[in-house]
């Protein structure tokens, strides 16, 4: 699991799958909400590969999510 944030683009990406090579096989589904929208990337077998948060500052506390991912990765390393 990996989290990245691009402050200039105001976008964040949470990758749930460890195999980066699979990203090219994903089908992206756009989901709209009251605070913006997200892109959900699904692998051909239906597993969720990752989630891109558009207008990230309105949808997610980037610093908190980054810290959670870091701690989670430390536990499972």
Foldseek 3Di string as FASTA:
>chain_A
DDKDADVVQLKIKDFPDPDPVQQVQWDWDWDADPQGIKIFTAHPVGDTGMIMDGNNVRPDDRVVVNVVVVVVVVVVD
